[in-house]
């Protein structure tokens, strides 16, 4: 029983590191989509988020589902804040960056928004690289450590 618990804990830690990579990749995709939509369509930010939220490429960014019907949600900035604050897969620094981005979206001209989103795109591309490095460094070790710790406890209890 303990062997299974330790093994599952190690696998869960590894899985969380892998999920983090996926979330960072989808965030980079989201920011890239925002840049493209703003540049080429010039649509309202709420309408853009409504469009992007329906893509399967951002399915793990479930806070975007709040924007699926852009006419029903009310004040964009309040909804953005509550949605991002409730999202558990961002670290505090990343959450703060997304909150800063949300407070800026839709408040300035097209060129300023594009420049700002590009800046945040670079931040999240770097966060993605850190997530990949963390997984390469700790992901496999977590699974193996859980397996060996469980086996060790099992042997000691015999």
N, C-alpha and C. Protein backbone atom coordinates (compact mmCIF):
# COMPACT_ATOMS: atom_id res chain seq x y z
N UNK A 1 0.82 -1.19 0.00
CA UNK A 1 0.00 0.00 0.00
C UNK A 1 0.87 1.26 0.00
N UNK A 2 1.88 1.28 0.89
CA UNK A 2 2.78 2.43 0.93
C UNK A 2 3.58 2.56 -0.36
N UNK A 3 3.98 1.42 -0.90
CA UNK A 3 4.73 1.45 -2.15
C UNK A 3 3.91 2.13 -3.24
N UNK A 4 2.63 1.79 -3.31
CA UNK A 4 1.74 2.40 -4.29
C UNK A 4 1.59 3.89 -4.04
N UNK A 5 1.46 4.27 -2.77
CA UNK A 5 1.30 5.68 -2.43
C UNK A 5 2.52 6.49 -2.84
N UNK A 6 3.71 6.01 -2.53
CA UNK A 6 4.92 6.72 -2.91
C UNK A 6 5.08 6.79 -4.43
N UNK A 7 4.80 5.69 -5.08
CA UNK A 7 4.90 5.65 -6.54
C UNK A 7 3.93 6.64 -7.18
N UNK A 8 2.71 6.63 -6.70
CA UNK A 8 1.69 7.55 -7.25
C UNK A 8 2.05 9.01 -6.97
N UNK A 9 2.63 9.29 -5.82
CA UNK A 9 3.05 10.66 -5.50
C UNK A 9 4.12 11.11 -6.47
N UNK A 10 5.10 10.27 -6.73
CA UNK A 10 6.15 10.61 -7.68
C UNK A 10 5.61 10.83 -9.08
N UNK A 11 4.68 9.97 -9.49
CA UNK A 11 4.08 10.11 -10.81
C UNK A 11 3.24 11.38 -10.89
N UNK A 12 2.55 11.72 -9.80
CA UNK A 12 1.72 12.93 -9.77
C UNK A 12 2.62 14.17 -9.89
N UNK A 13 3.74 14.18 -9.20
CA UNK A 13 4.67 15.31 -9.30
C UNK A 13 5.18 15.46 -10.72
N UNK A 14 5.51 14.36 -11.34
CA UNK A 14 5.97 14.38 -12.72
C UNK A 14 4.87 14.87 -13.65
N UNK A 15 3.65 14.43 -13.41
CA UNK A 15 2.51 14.84 -14.22
C UNK A 15 2.24 16.34 -14.11
N UNK A 16 2.38 16.88 -12.90
CA UNK A 16 2.18 18.32 -12.71
C UNK A 16 3.22 19.14 -13.46
N UNK A 17 4.46 18.66 -13.49
CA UNK A 17 5.50 19.36 -14.25
C UNK A 17 5.19 19.33 -15.75
N UNK A 18 4.68 18.20 -16.22
CA UNK A 18 4.30 18.07 -17.63
C UNK A 18 3.10 18.98 -17.95
N UNK A 19 2.14 19.05 -17.04
CA UNK A 19 0.97 19.91 -17.22
C UNK A 19 1.40 21.38 -17.30
N UNK A 20 2.39 21.74 -16.52
CA UNK A 20 2.89 23.11 -16.52
C UNK A 20 3.46 23.49 -17.89
N UNK A 21 4.16 22.58 -18.52
CA UNK A 21 4.68 22.82 -19.87
C UNK A 21 3.52 23.07 -20.82
N UNK A 22 2.50 22.24 -20.73
CA UNK A 22 1.33 22.37 -21.61
C UNK A 22 0.66 23.72 -21.41
N UNK A 23 0.49 24.13 -20.16
CA UNK A 23 -0.15 25.41 -19.87
C UNK A 23 0.68 26.57 -20.41
N UNK A 24 1.99 26.49 -20.27
CA UNK A 24 2.85 27.56 -20.79
C UNK A 24 2.81 27.60 -22.32
N UNK A 25 2.79 26.44 -22.96
CA UNK A 25 2.69 26.40 -24.42
C UNK A 25 1.37 27.00 -24.89
N UNK A 26 0.30 26.69 -24.20
CA UNK A 26 -1.00 27.23 -24.58
C UNK A 26 -1.08 28.74 -24.31
N UNK A 27 -0.42 29.20 -23.27
CA UNK A 27 -0.39 30.64 -23.00
C UNK A 27 0.37 31.37 -24.09
N UNK A 28 1.47 30.80 -24.53
CA UNK A 28 2.23 31.39 -25.64
C UNK A 28 1.37 31.41 -26.90
N UNK A 29 0.63 30.32 -27.15
CA UNK A 29 -0.28 30.27 -28.29
C UNK A 29 -1.36 31.34 -28.16
N UNK A 30 -1.91 31.49 -26.96
CA UNK A 30 -2.94 32.51 -26.72
C UNK A 30 -2.41 33.90 -27.04
N UNK A 31 -1.24 34.22 -26.55
CA UNK A 31 -0.67 35.54 -26.79
C UNK A 31 -0.36 35.77 -28.26
N UNK A 32 0.12 34.74 -28.92
CA UNK A 32 0.37 34.83 -30.36
C UNK A 32 -0.93 35.05 -31.12
N UNK A 33 -1.97 34.34 -30.72
CA UNK A 33 -3.28 34.51 -31.36
C UNK A 33 -3.83 35.91 -31.13
N UNK A 34 -3.66 36.42 -29.92
CA UNK A 34 -4.12 37.78 -29.63
C UNK A 34 -3.41 38.80 -30.53
N UNK A 35 -2.10 38.63 -30.67
CA UNK A 35 -1.34 39.56 -31.53
C UNK A 35 -1.86 39.50 -32.96
N UNK A 36 -2.05 38.29 -33.47
CA UNK A 36 -2.52 38.14 -34.85
C UNK A 36 -3.90 38.73 -35.04
N UNK A 37 -4.80 38.43 -34.13
CA UNK A 37 -6.17 38.92 -34.25
C UNK A 37 -6.25 40.45 -34.15
N UNK A 38 -5.50 41.01 -33.23
CA UNK A 38 -5.51 42.48 -33.07
C UNK A 38 -4.92 43.14 -34.31
N UNK A 39 -3.82 42.56 -34.80
CA UNK A 39 -3.16 43.16 -35.96
C UNK A 39 -4.01 43.07 -37.22
N UNK A 40 -4.63 41.93 -37.45
CA UNK A 40 -5.30 41.73 -38.74
C UNK A 40 -6.80 42.00 -38.74
N UNK A 41 -7.44 41.87 -37.57
CA UNK A 41 -8.88 42.14 -37.57
C UNK A 41 -9.23 43.46 -36.90
N UNK A 42 -8.44 43.83 -35.89
CA UNK A 42 -8.72 45.07 -35.17
C UNK A 42 -10.00 44.99 -34.36
N UNK A 43 -10.49 43.79 -34.10
CA UNK A 43 -11.75 43.61 -33.37
C UNK A 43 -11.56 43.96 -31.89
N UNK A 44 -12.68 44.10 -31.21
CA UNK A 44 -12.71 44.34 -29.78
C UNK A 44 -12.04 43.17 -29.06
N UNK A 45 -11.31 43.44 -27.97
CA UNK A 45 -10.58 42.40 -27.26
C UNK A 45 -11.51 41.31 -26.74
N UNK A 46 -12.68 41.68 -26.31
CA UNK A 46 -13.64 40.69 -25.82
C UNK A 46 -14.07 39.74 -26.93
N UNK A 47 -14.29 40.28 -28.11
CA UNK A 47 -14.68 39.45 -29.25
C UNK A 47 -13.53 38.52 -29.65
N UNK A 48 -12.32 39.04 -29.59
CA UNK A 48 -11.14 38.22 -29.91
C UNK A 48 -11.01 37.07 -28.92
N UNK A 49 -11.13 37.36 -27.64
CA UNK A 49 -11.03 36.31 -26.63
C UNK A 49 -12.15 35.29 -26.77
N UNK A 50 -13.31 35.75 -27.15
CA UNK A 50 -14.42 34.84 -27.40
C UNK A 50 -14.07 33.88 -28.52
N UNK A 51 -13.45 34.39 -29.56
CA UNK A 51 -13.05 33.56 -30.69
C UNK A 51 -11.94 32.58 -30.30
N UNK A 52 -10.94 33.08 -29.60
CA UNK A 52 -9.79 32.25 -29.23
C UNK A 52 -10.19 31.17 -28.21
N UNK A 53 -11.13 31.49 -27.33
CA UNK A 53 -11.52 30.53 -26.29
C UNK A 53 -12.13 29.25 -26.84
N UNK A 54 -12.62 29.30 -28.05
CA UNK A 54 -13.23 28.11 -28.64
C UNK A 54 -12.22 27.18 -29.31
N UNK A 55 -10.97 27.59 -29.40
CA UNK A 55 -9.95 26.75 -30.04
C UNK A 55 -9.48 25.65 -29.11
N UNK A 56 -9.25 24.49 -29.68
CA UNK A 56 -8.77 23.36 -28.87
C UNK A 56 -7.32 23.55 -28.44
N UNK A 57 -6.62 24.47 -29.05
CA UNK A 57 -5.22 24.71 -28.71
C UNK A 57 -5.06 25.39 -27.36
N UNK A 58 -6.16 25.84 -26.77
CA UNK A 58 -6.10 26.47 -25.45
C UNK A 58 -7.06 25.79 -24.47
N UNK A 59 -7.28 24.50 -24.64
CA UNK A 59 -8.26 23.79 -23.81
C UNK A 59 -7.87 23.73 -22.34
N UNK A 60 -6.60 23.78 -22.01
CA UNK A 60 -6.17 23.76 -20.62
C UNK A 60 -6.25 25.12 -19.95
N UNK A 61 -6.42 26.16 -20.74
CA UNK A 61 -6.60 27.51 -20.18
C UNK A 61 -8.09 27.73 -19.99
N UNK A 62 -8.66 26.94 -19.10
CA UNK A 62 -10.12 26.93 -18.97
C UNK A 62 -10.69 28.25 -18.46
N UNK A 63 -9.86 29.16 -17.97
CA UNK A 63 -10.39 30.46 -17.58
C UNK A 63 -10.89 31.25 -18.79
N UNK A 64 -10.45 30.90 -19.98
CA UNK A 64 -10.92 31.58 -21.19
C UNK A 64 -12.37 31.26 -21.51
N UNK A 65 -12.89 30.18 -20.95
CA UNK A 65 -14.29 29.82 -21.21
C UNK A 65 -15.25 30.90 -20.71
N UNK A 66 -14.79 31.72 -19.78
CA UNK A 66 -15.64 32.83 -19.30
C UNK A 66 -15.90 33.85 -20.41
N UNK A 67 -15.07 33.81 -21.46
CA UNK A 67 -15.21 34.76 -22.55
C UNK A 67 -15.87 34.14 -23.78
N UNK A 68 -16.42 32.93 -23.63
CA UNK A 68 -16.98 32.26 -24.80
C UNK A 68 -18.16 33.02 -25.39
N UNK A 69 -18.93 33.70 -24.58
CA UNK A 69 -20.01 34.54 -25.09
C UNK A 69 -19.72 35.97 -24.64
N UNK A 70 -19.03 36.71 -25.48
CA UNK A 70 -18.48 38.00 -25.07
C UNK A 70 -19.53 39.04 -24.73
N UNK A 71 -20.75 38.84 -25.12
CA UNK A 71 -21.78 39.84 -24.83
C UNK A 71 -22.40 39.65 -23.45
N UNK A 72 -22.20 38.50 -22.83
CA UNK A 72 -22.88 38.21 -21.58
C UNK A 72 -22.07 38.48 -20.31
N UNK A 73 -20.78 38.65 -20.41
CA UNK A 73 -19.98 38.64 -19.20
C UNK A 73 -19.84 39.98 -18.49
N UNK A 74 -20.17 41.08 -19.07
CA UNK A 74 -20.07 42.37 -18.38
C UNK A 74 -18.72 43.03 -18.56
N UNK A 75 -18.19 43.59 -17.48
CA UNK A 75 -16.93 44.32 -17.52
C UNK A 75 -15.75 43.37 -17.79
N UNK A 76 -15.08 43.59 -18.91
CA UNK A 76 -13.99 42.72 -19.33
C UNK A 76 -12.91 42.61 -18.25
N UNK A 77 -12.46 43.73 -17.70
CA UNK A 77 -11.33 43.72 -16.78
C UNK A 77 -11.65 42.99 -15.47
N UNK A 78 -12.87 43.11 -14.99
CA UNK A 78 -13.25 42.39 -13.77
C UNK A 78 -13.31 40.88 -14.02
N UNK A 79 -13.86 40.52 -15.15
CA UNK A 79 -13.95 39.09 -15.48
C UNK A 79 -12.55 38.51 -15.69
N UNK A 80 -11.69 39.24 -16.38
CA UNK A 80 -10.31 38.79 -16.60
C UNK A 80 -9.62 38.55 -15.26
N UNK A 81 -9.74 39.53 -14.35
CA UNK A 81 -9.09 39.43 -13.05
C UNK A 81 -9.58 38.20 -12.28
N UNK A 82 -10.88 38.04 -12.20
CA UNK A 82 -11.41 36.90 -11.43
C UNK A 82 -11.06 35.57 -12.09
N UNK A 83 -11.06 35.53 -13.41
CA UNK A 83 -10.74 34.29 -14.12
C UNK A 83 -9.28 33.90 -13.92
N UNK A 84 -8.38 34.85 -14.07
CA UNK A 84 -6.95 34.55 -13.93
C UNK A 84 -6.59 34.23 -12.48
N UNK A 85 -7.16 34.96 -11.54
CA UNK A 85 -6.87 34.69 -10.13
C UNK A 85 -7.30 33.30 -9.71
N UNK A 86 -8.35 32.78 -10.31
CA UNK A 86 -8.85 31.44 -9.96
C UNK A 86 -8.10 30.32 -10.68
N UNK A 87 -7.26 30.65 -11.63
CA UNK A 87 -6.56 29.63 -12.42
C UNK A 87 -5.38 29.08 -11.61
N UNK A 88 -5.36 27.78 -11.31
CA UNK A 88 -4.34 27.24 -10.40
C UNK A 88 -2.98 26.90 -11.02
N UNK A 89 -2.86 26.93 -12.33
CA UNK A 89 -1.63 26.44 -12.95
C UNK A 89 -0.58 27.51 -13.21
N UNK A 90 -0.89 28.76 -12.90
CA UNK A 90 0.13 29.80 -13.00
C UNK A 90 0.77 29.99 -11.64
N UNK A 91 2.07 30.18 -11.65
CA UNK A 91 2.75 30.58 -10.43
C UNK A 91 2.40 32.04 -10.17
N UNK A 92 2.71 32.53 -8.99
CA UNK A 92 2.30 33.89 -8.61
C UNK A 92 2.86 34.95 -9.55
N UNK A 93 4.10 34.81 -9.98
CA UNK A 93 4.70 35.78 -10.91
C UNK A 93 3.97 35.77 -12.26
N UNK A 94 3.66 34.59 -12.75
CA UNK A 94 2.95 34.47 -14.02
C UNK A 94 1.53 35.01 -13.92
N UNK A 95 0.90 34.73 -12.80
CA UNK A 95 -0.45 35.23 -12.58
C UNK A 95 -0.44 36.76 -12.57
N UNK A 96 0.56 37.32 -11.92
CA UNK A 96 0.68 38.79 -11.87
C UNK A 96 0.90 39.37 -13.27
N UNK A 97 1.70 38.70 -14.08
CA UNK A 97 1.92 39.16 -15.47
C UNK A 97 0.62 39.12 -16.26
N UNK A 98 -0.15 38.04 -16.10
CA UNK A 98 -1.42 37.95 -16.83
C UNK A 98 -2.41 39.00 -16.35
N UNK A 99 -2.41 39.30 -15.06
CA UNK A 99 -3.29 40.33 -14.54
C UNK A 99 -2.89 41.71 -15.09
N UNK A 100 -1.58 41.97 -15.16
CA UNK A 100 -1.11 43.23 -15.74
C UNK A 100 -1.52 43.33 -17.20
N UNK A 101 -1.35 42.24 -17.93
CA UNK A 101 -1.74 42.23 -19.34
C UNK A 101 -3.23 42.50 -19.49
N UNK A 102 -4.04 41.84 -18.68
CA UNK A 102 -5.49 42.02 -18.75
C UNK A 102 -5.93 43.43 -18.46
N UNK A 103 -5.24 44.10 -17.55
CA UNK A 103 -5.62 45.48 -17.24
C UNK A 103 -5.25 46.43 -18.37
N UNK A 104 -4.34 46.01 -19.23
CA UNK A 104 -3.89 46.84 -20.34
C UNK A 104 -4.69 46.60 -21.62
N UNK A 105 -5.18 45.37 -21.79
CA UNK A 105 -5.88 45.01 -23.03
C UNK A 105 -7.13 45.86 -23.23
N UNK A 106 -7.28 46.33 -24.43
CA UNK A 106 -8.47 47.08 -24.81
C UNK A 106 -8.48 48.53 -24.35
N UNK A 107 -7.39 49.01 -23.76
CA UNK A 107 -7.39 50.38 -23.25
C UNK A 107 -6.57 51.35 -24.09
N UNK A 108 -5.77 50.84 -25.02
CA UNK A 108 -4.94 51.72 -25.84
C UNK A 108 -5.11 51.40 -27.32
N UNK A 109 -4.33 52.08 -28.12
CA UNK A 109 -4.40 51.85 -29.57
C UNK A 109 -3.78 50.51 -29.95
N UNK A 110 -3.97 50.14 -31.18
CA UNK A 110 -3.54 48.84 -31.70
C UNK A 110 -2.04 48.62 -31.55
N UNK A 111 -1.23 49.59 -31.91
CA UNK A 111 0.23 49.43 -31.87
C UNK A 111 0.73 49.23 -30.44
N UNK A 112 0.16 49.98 -29.50
CA UNK A 112 0.57 49.83 -28.11
C UNK A 112 0.18 48.45 -27.56
N UNK A 113 -1.00 47.99 -27.92
CA UNK A 113 -1.43 46.66 -27.48
C UNK A 113 -0.52 45.57 -28.06
N UNK A 114 -0.18 45.71 -29.32
CA UNK A 114 0.69 44.71 -29.95
C UNK A 114 2.06 44.68 -29.29
N UNK A 115 2.60 45.85 -29.00
CA UNK A 115 3.92 45.92 -28.36
C UNK A 115 3.86 45.30 -26.96
N UNK A 116 2.80 45.57 -26.25
CA UNK A 116 2.65 45.03 -24.89
C UNK A 116 2.48 43.52 -24.93
N UNK A 117 1.65 43.03 -25.81
CA UNK A 117 1.44 41.59 -25.91
C UNK A 117 2.74 40.89 -26.31
N UNK A 118 3.51 41.51 -27.18
CA UNK A 118 4.80 40.95 -27.59
C UNK A 118 5.74 40.81 -26.39
N UNK A 119 5.72 41.81 -25.52
CA UNK A 119 6.53 41.76 -24.31
C UNK A 119 6.11 40.58 -23.43
N UNK A 120 4.82 40.42 -23.22
CA UNK A 120 4.32 39.32 -22.41
C UNK A 120 4.52 37.98 -23.11
N UNK A 121 4.46 37.96 -24.41
CA UNK A 121 4.77 36.75 -25.18
C UNK A 121 6.19 36.29 -24.85
N UNK A 122 7.13 37.23 -24.82
CA UNK A 122 8.52 36.89 -24.50
C UNK A 122 8.65 36.38 -23.07
N UNK A 123 7.93 37.01 -22.13
CA UNK A 123 7.95 36.52 -20.74
C UNK A 123 7.51 35.06 -20.69
N UNK A 124 6.38 34.77 -21.32
CA UNK A 124 5.82 33.43 -21.23
C UNK A 124 6.60 32.41 -22.05
N UNK A 125 7.27 32.85 -23.10
CA UNK A 125 8.16 31.94 -23.81
C UNK A 125 9.32 31.54 -22.90
N UNK A 126 9.80 32.49 -22.11
CA UNK A 126 10.86 32.17 -21.14
C UNK A 126 10.34 31.27 -20.03
N UNK A 127 9.13 31.52 -19.54
CA UNK A 127 8.53 30.66 -18.52
C UNK A 127 8.37 29.24 -19.05
N UNK A 128 8.04 29.13 -20.34
CA UNK A 128 7.91 27.81 -20.95
C UNK A 128 9.25 27.08 -20.95
N UNK A 129 10.31 27.79 -21.28
CA UNK A 129 11.64 27.18 -21.27
C UNK A 129 12.02 26.71 -19.87
N UNK A 130 11.70 27.51 -18.87
CA UNK A 130 11.97 27.12 -17.49
C UNK A 130 11.18 25.86 -17.14
N UNK A 131 9.92 25.80 -17.57
CA UNK A 131 9.08 24.63 -17.30
C UNK A 131 9.66 23.38 -17.96
N UNK A 132 10.13 23.52 -19.19
CA UNK A 132 10.75 22.38 -19.88
C UNK A 132 12.01 21.93 -19.15
N UNK A 133 12.82 22.89 -18.74
CA UNK A 133 14.05 22.54 -18.00
C UNK A 133 13.72 21.87 -16.67
N UNK A 134 12.69 22.37 -15.97
CA UNK A 134 12.29 21.75 -14.71
C UNK A 134 11.82 20.32 -14.93
N UNK A 135 11.07 20.10 -15.99
CA UNK A 135 10.60 18.75 -16.27
C UNK A 135 11.78 17.83 -16.60
N UNK A 136 12.69 18.32 -17.41
CA UNK A 136 13.86 17.49 -17.76
C UNK A 136 14.70 17.19 -16.53
N UNK A 137 14.77 18.14 -15.62
CA UNK A 137 15.60 17.98 -14.44
C UNK A 137 14.90 17.14 -13.36
N UNK A 138 13.61 17.41 -13.11
CA UNK A 138 12.93 16.80 -11.98
C UNK A 138 11.83 15.80 -12.35
N UNK A 139 11.34 15.85 -13.57
CA UNK A 139 10.19 15.02 -13.93
C UNK A 139 10.47 13.53 -13.85
N UNK A 140 11.51 13.12 -14.46
CA UNK A 140 11.84 11.69 -14.44
C UNK A 140 12.31 11.26 -13.06
N UNK A 141 13.03 12.16 -12.40
CA UNK A 141 13.54 11.84 -11.07
C UNK A 141 12.38 11.65 -10.10
N UNK A 142 11.35 12.47 -10.23
CA UNK A 142 10.19 12.35 -9.33
C UNK A 142 9.54 10.98 -9.44
N UNK A 143 9.35 10.52 -10.66
CA UNK A 143 8.74 9.21 -10.86
C UNK A 143 9.62 8.10 -10.29
N UNK A 144 10.90 8.17 -10.59
CA UNK A 144 11.82 7.13 -10.10
C UNK A 144 11.97 7.18 -8.58
N UNK A 145 12.03 8.40 -8.04
CA UNK A 145 12.15 8.54 -6.59
C UNK A 145 10.94 7.95 -5.89
N UNK A 146 9.76 8.23 -6.41
CA UNK A 146 8.55 7.66 -5.83
C UNK A 146 8.56 6.14 -5.88
N UNK A 147 9.00 5.60 -7.00
CA UNK A 147 9.07 4.14 -7.16
C UNK A 147 10.06 3.53 -6.17
N UNK A 148 11.25 4.11 -6.08
CA UNK A 148 12.27 3.57 -5.18
C UNK A 148 11.93 3.80 -3.71
N UNK A 149 11.35 4.94 -3.38
CA UNK A 149 10.95 5.20 -1.99
C UNK A 149 9.87 4.22 -1.57
N UNK A 150 8.93 3.98 -2.44
CA UNK A 150 7.88 3.00 -2.13
C UNK A 150 8.44 1.60 -1.94
N UNK A 151 9.35 1.22 -2.82
CA UNK A 151 9.96 -0.11 -2.72
C UNK A 151 10.78 -0.21 -1.42
N UNK A 152 11.50 0.84 -1.07
CA UNK A 152 12.31 0.83 0.15
C UNK A 152 11.45 0.67 1.39
N UNK A 153 10.38 1.43 1.45
CA UNK A 153 9.48 1.32 2.61
C UNK A 153 8.86 -0.05 2.67
N UNK A 154 8.49 -0.59 1.54
CA UNK A 154 7.91 -1.94 1.49
C UNK A 154 8.89 -2.97 2.03
N UNK A 155 10.14 -2.87 1.62
CA UNK A 155 11.17 -3.82 2.06
C UNK A 155 11.43 -3.66 3.54
N UNK A 156 11.50 -2.42 4.04
CA UNK A 156 11.74 -2.18 5.46
C UNK A 156 10.63 -2.73 6.34
N UNK A 157 9.41 -2.66 5.85
CA UNK A 157 8.29 -3.16 6.64
C UNK A 157 8.18 -4.68 6.65
N UNK A 158 8.84 -5.34 5.72
CA UNK A 158 8.82 -6.81 5.70
C UNK A 158 9.74 -7.29 6.78
